[in-house]
Amino acid sequence: MRFEILPGLPPYGPMAISFTQYGEREHREGLVVRFYPRMSEPWVGNFLGSMTACTGVFEHPNKSDFIVVVQGAGCIVDPEHRVVRDHFASDIKEIFPLPSIGSIAFRRLTNFIALKADNSKWDSPRISWDDFRNIEVHDCSLVGEAYTPIGDAWVPFQLDLLTGDCHNGIYAQDMARAVPVQRRWRM
């Protein structure tokens, strides 16, 4: 294992590097992770979160970086250089490691994103008006139900995990049926 989640900030040794919205000026404890880089000394990072309950640390599919998700806030950490390479989401609700296709996918409030082993990523279109349920992964596809307020319904959809293409996303269907309204101003 090249990382460990600690129960809190270590009381001894070098100070943890704080990866927060306010950087070094913010002094509160978040998710504390010790990294064991391949070519440098171990170090500790302190990560603060966002707005959901989803938290976890995963090896990036590229096998050199890590993905840290704290209360829905996701970032890519380069352990050798002790830096966050990218902040990629602030509303992650669920994580789907996909080692068979060299990827990791993330459910957000209304869409999905994925990070791939070649350091590329995809963002799906908006699929739902507000949240998902009954999600299952089958080989290279993800199926589930997306919410629409039109009829207060849950509608099935299918997502291609290789490309992020969505079939039957209810949000796009509802928007395609929408009728533009022109407002006429009277004086």
Protein backbone atom coordinates (compact mmCIF):
# COMPACT_ATOMS: atom_id res chain seq x y z
CA MET A 1 0.00 0.00 0.00
CA ARG A 2 1.39 3.38 -0.97
CA PHE A 3 -0.82 5.45 1.34
CA GLU A 4 -2.58 5.22 4.68
CA ILE A 5 -5.42 7.24 6.15
CA LEU A 6 -4.39 8.50 9.58
CA PRO A 7 -6.76 9.05 12.53
CA GLY A 8 -5.63 12.69 12.75
CA LEU A 9 -2.76 15.09 12.24
CA PRO A 10 0.49 13.60 13.57
CA PRO A 11 1.72 15.32 16.76
CA TYR A 12 5.38 14.85 15.78
CA GLY A 13 7.57 14.98 12.68
CA PRO A 14 7.24 17.32 9.71
CA MET A 15 4.00 19.30 9.49
CA ALA A 16 1.29 18.03 7.18
CA ILE A 17 0.86 19.82 3.87
CA SER A 18 -2.55 21.46 3.89
CA PHE A 19 -4.58 21.16 0.68
CA THR A 20 -7.49 23.44 1.45
CA GLN A 21 -9.37 26.30 -0.14
CA TYR A 22 -7.28 28.82 1.79
CA GLY A 23 -3.95 26.94 1.69
CA GLU A 24 -1.56 27.43 4.57
CA ARG A 25 -3.84 30.01 6.22
CA GLU A 26 -6.47 27.38 7.04
CA HIS A 27 -5.70 25.44 10.21
CA ARG A 28 -8.25 22.70 10.69
CA GLU A 29 -8.12 18.97 10.38
CA GLY A 30 -9.67 17.17 7.45
CA LEU A 31 -8.88 13.80 5.93
CA VAL A 32 -5.25 13.11 6.87
CA VAL A 33 -3.32 10.85 4.48
CA ARG A 34 0.29 9.65 4.65
CA PHE A 35 1.75 8.97 1.21
CA TYR A 36 4.68 6.65 0.52
CA PRO A 37 6.15 7.83 -2.79
CA ARG A 38 8.38 5.48 -4.76
CA MET A 39 11.33 7.88 -5.04
CA SER A 40 11.06 10.27 -2.10
CA GLU A 41 10.36 10.34 1.63
CA PRO A 42 6.87 9.69 3.05
CA TRP A 43 4.80 12.79 3.76
CA VAL A 44 1.40 13.71 5.20
CA GLY A 45 -1.36 15.67 3.46
CA ASN A 46 -4.42 17.25 5.09
CA PHE A 47 -7.45 17.52 2.76
CA LEU A 48 -10.66 19.43 3.44
CA GLY A 49 -13.90 18.58 1.75
CA SER A 50 -16.99 20.01 0.17
CA MET A 51 -20.69 19.14 0.46
CA THR A 52 -21.42 15.39 0.28
CA ALA A 53 -20.62 12.41 2.50
CA CYS A 54 -18.45 10.65 -0.13
CA THR A 55 -14.84 10.18 1.03
CA GLY A 56 -12.05 7.86 -0.13
CA VAL A 57 -8.49 7.56 -1.39
CA PHE A 58 -7.67 5.53 -4.50
CA GLU A 59 -4.67 4.84 -6.66
CA HIS A 60 -5.16 6.68 -9.96
CA PRO A 61 -5.51 4.32 -12.94
CA ASN A 62 -2.21 5.82 -14.23
CA LYS A 63 -0.49 3.99 -11.32
CA SER A 64 1.59 7.03 -10.31
CA ASP A 65 -0.92 9.51 -8.84
CA PHE A 66 -3.68 9.23 -6.24
CA ILE A 67 -7.28 10.35 -6.24
CA VAL A 68 -8.44 11.86 -2.97
CA VAL A 69 -12.15 12.52 -2.45
CA VAL A 70 -13.16 14.29 0.76
CA GLN A 71 -16.82 15.02 1.40
CA GLY A 72 -17.41 15.13 -2.35
CA ALA A 73 -14.37 17.24 -3.33
CA GLY A 74 -12.10 15.32 -5.69
CA CYS A 75 -8.49 16.01 -6.53
CA ILE A 76 -5.55 14.26 -8.19
CA VAL A 77 -2.42 14.16 -6.02
CA ASP A 78 1.13 13.73 -7.34
CA PRO A 79 2.84 12.01 -4.38
CA GLU A 80 6.39 12.47 -5.71
CA HIS A 81 6.09 16.26 -5.97
CA ARG A 82 3.64 16.72 -3.05
CA VAL A 83 1.14 18.71 -5.10
CA VAL A 84 -2.47 18.57 -6.22
CA ARG A 85 -2.38 18.34 -10.02
CA ASP A 86 -6.09 18.92 -10.54
CA HIS A 87 -9.35 19.59 -8.70
CA PHE A 88 -11.96 17.80 -10.81
CA ALA A 89 -15.25 17.94 -8.87
CA SER A 90 -16.86 19.27 -5.71
CA ASP A 91 -20.10 17.26 -5.65
CA ILE A 92 -19.07 13.58 -5.89
CA LYS A 93 -21.67 11.27 -4.39
CA GLU A 94 -20.34 7.82 -5.33
CA ILE A 95 -17.14 6.26 -6.70
CA PHE A 96 -16.84 3.32 -9.11
CA PRO A 97 -13.31 1.87 -9.54
CA LEU A 98 -13.18 0.19 -12.96
CA PRO A 99 -9.83 -1.67 -13.07
CA SER A 100 -10.90 -3.90 -15.98
CA ILE A 101 -11.04 -0.84 -18.27
CA GLY A 102 -8.30 1.21 -16.55
CA SER A 103 -10.64 3.89 -15.27
CA ILE A 104 -12.48 5.22 -12.24
CA ALA A 105 -15.92 6.85 -12.53
CA PHE A 106 -17.66 9.30 -10.22
CA ARG A 107 -21.37 9.95 -9.79
CA ARG A 108 -22.19 13.59 -9.31
CA LEU A 109 -25.60 15.13 -8.64
CA THR A 110 -26.71 15.26 -12.29
CA ASN A 111 -23.97 13.57 -14.36
CA PHE A 112 -20.87 11.33 -14.25
CA ILE A 113 -17.15 11.88 -14.85
CA ALA A 114 -14.30 9.42 -15.26
CA LEU A 115 -10.52 9.51 -15.07
CA LYS A 116 -8.54 7.13 -17.29
CA ALA A 117 -5.12 5.48 -17.08
CA ASP A 118 -3.79 7.65 -19.95
CA ASN A 119 -4.64 10.76 -17.84
CA SER A 120 -7.57 11.68 -20.05
CA LYS A 121 -11.07 12.10 -18.68
CA TRP A 122 -14.62 12.39 -19.87
CA ASP A 123 -17.66 14.26 -18.57
CA SER A 124 -21.06 12.85 -19.42
CA PRO A 125 -23.80 15.22 -20.44
CA ARG A 126 -26.32 16.15 -17.79
CA ILE A 127 -28.47 13.05 -17.42
CA SER A 128 -30.77 13.78 -14.48
CA TRP A 129 -32.62 16.79 -13.14
CA ASP A 130 -31.67 15.82 -9.60
CA ASP A 131 -29.90 12.60 -8.53
CA PHE A 132 -29.83 8.91 -9.49
CA ARG A 133 -30.84 5.56 -8.04
CA ASN A 134 -30.50 1.80 -8.73
CA ILE A 135 -27.07 2.17 -10.35
CA GLU A 136 -25.29 -0.97 -11.57
CA VAL A 137 -22.07 -1.48 -13.51
CA HIS A 138 -22.01 -4.15 -16.24
CA ASP A 139 -18.68 -4.55 -18.10
CA CYS A 140 -18.29 -1.24 -19.98
CA SER A 141 -21.68 0.26 -19.20
CA LEU A 142 -23.47 1.73 -16.23
CA VAL A 143 -27.25 1.55 -15.95
CA GLY A 144 -29.57 3.22 -13.51
CA GLU A 145 -32.50 5.57 -13.10
CA ALA A 146 -32.44 9.36 -13.38
CA TYR A 147 -34.97 11.69 -11.81
CA THR A 148 -37.30 14.05 -13.65
CA PRO A 149 -39.76 16.41 -11.94
CA ILE A 150 -42.08 16.04 -14.94
CA GLY A 151 -44.44 13.46 -13.55
CA ASP A 152 -42.16 13.00 -10.50
CA ALA A 153 -40.62 9.94 -12.17
CA TRP A 154 -37.45 7.84 -12.30
CA VAL A 155 -36.41 6.99 -15.85
CA PRO A 156 -33.89 4.29 -16.94
CA PHE A 157 -30.68 5.35 -18.69
CA GLN A 158 -27.45 3.71 -19.89
CA LEU A 159 -23.97 5.25 -19.80
CA ASP A 160 -20.99 4.06 -21.88
CA LEU A 161 -18.08 3.89 -19.39
CA LEU A 162 -15.46 4.12 -22.15
CA THR A 163 -16.72 7.38 -23.67
CA GLY A 164 -19.23 9.00 -21.30
CA ASP A 165 -21.96 8.84 -23.97
CA CYS A 166 -25.44 8.49 -22.50
CA HIS A 167 -28.49 6.80 -23.94
CA ASN A 168 -31.94 7.87 -22.74
CA GLY A 169 -30.82 10.69 -20.43
CA ILE A 170 -34.07 12.21 -19.21
CA TYR A 171 -32.74 15.75 -18.83
CA ALA A 172 -31.92 16.05 -22.56
CA GLN A 173 -35.26 14.46 -23.48
CA ASP A 174 -37.20 16.90 -21.29
CA MET A 175 -35.26 19.89 -22.63
CA ALA A 176 -35.87 18.78 -26.24
CA ARG A 177 -39.63 18.83 -25.55
CA ALA A 178 -39.51 22.27 -23.93
CA VAL A 179 -41.25 25.08 -25.72
CA PRO A 180 -39.45 28.43 -25.75
CA VAL A 181 -41.46 31.23 -24.23
CA GLN A 182 -41.03 34.75 -25.51
CA ARG A 183 -41.86 37.52 -23.14
CA ARG A 184 -43.42 40.57 -24.65
CA TRP A 185 -42.85 43.76 -22.79
CA ARG A 186 -45.64 46.28 -22.61
CA MET A 187 -45.13 49.85 -21.78
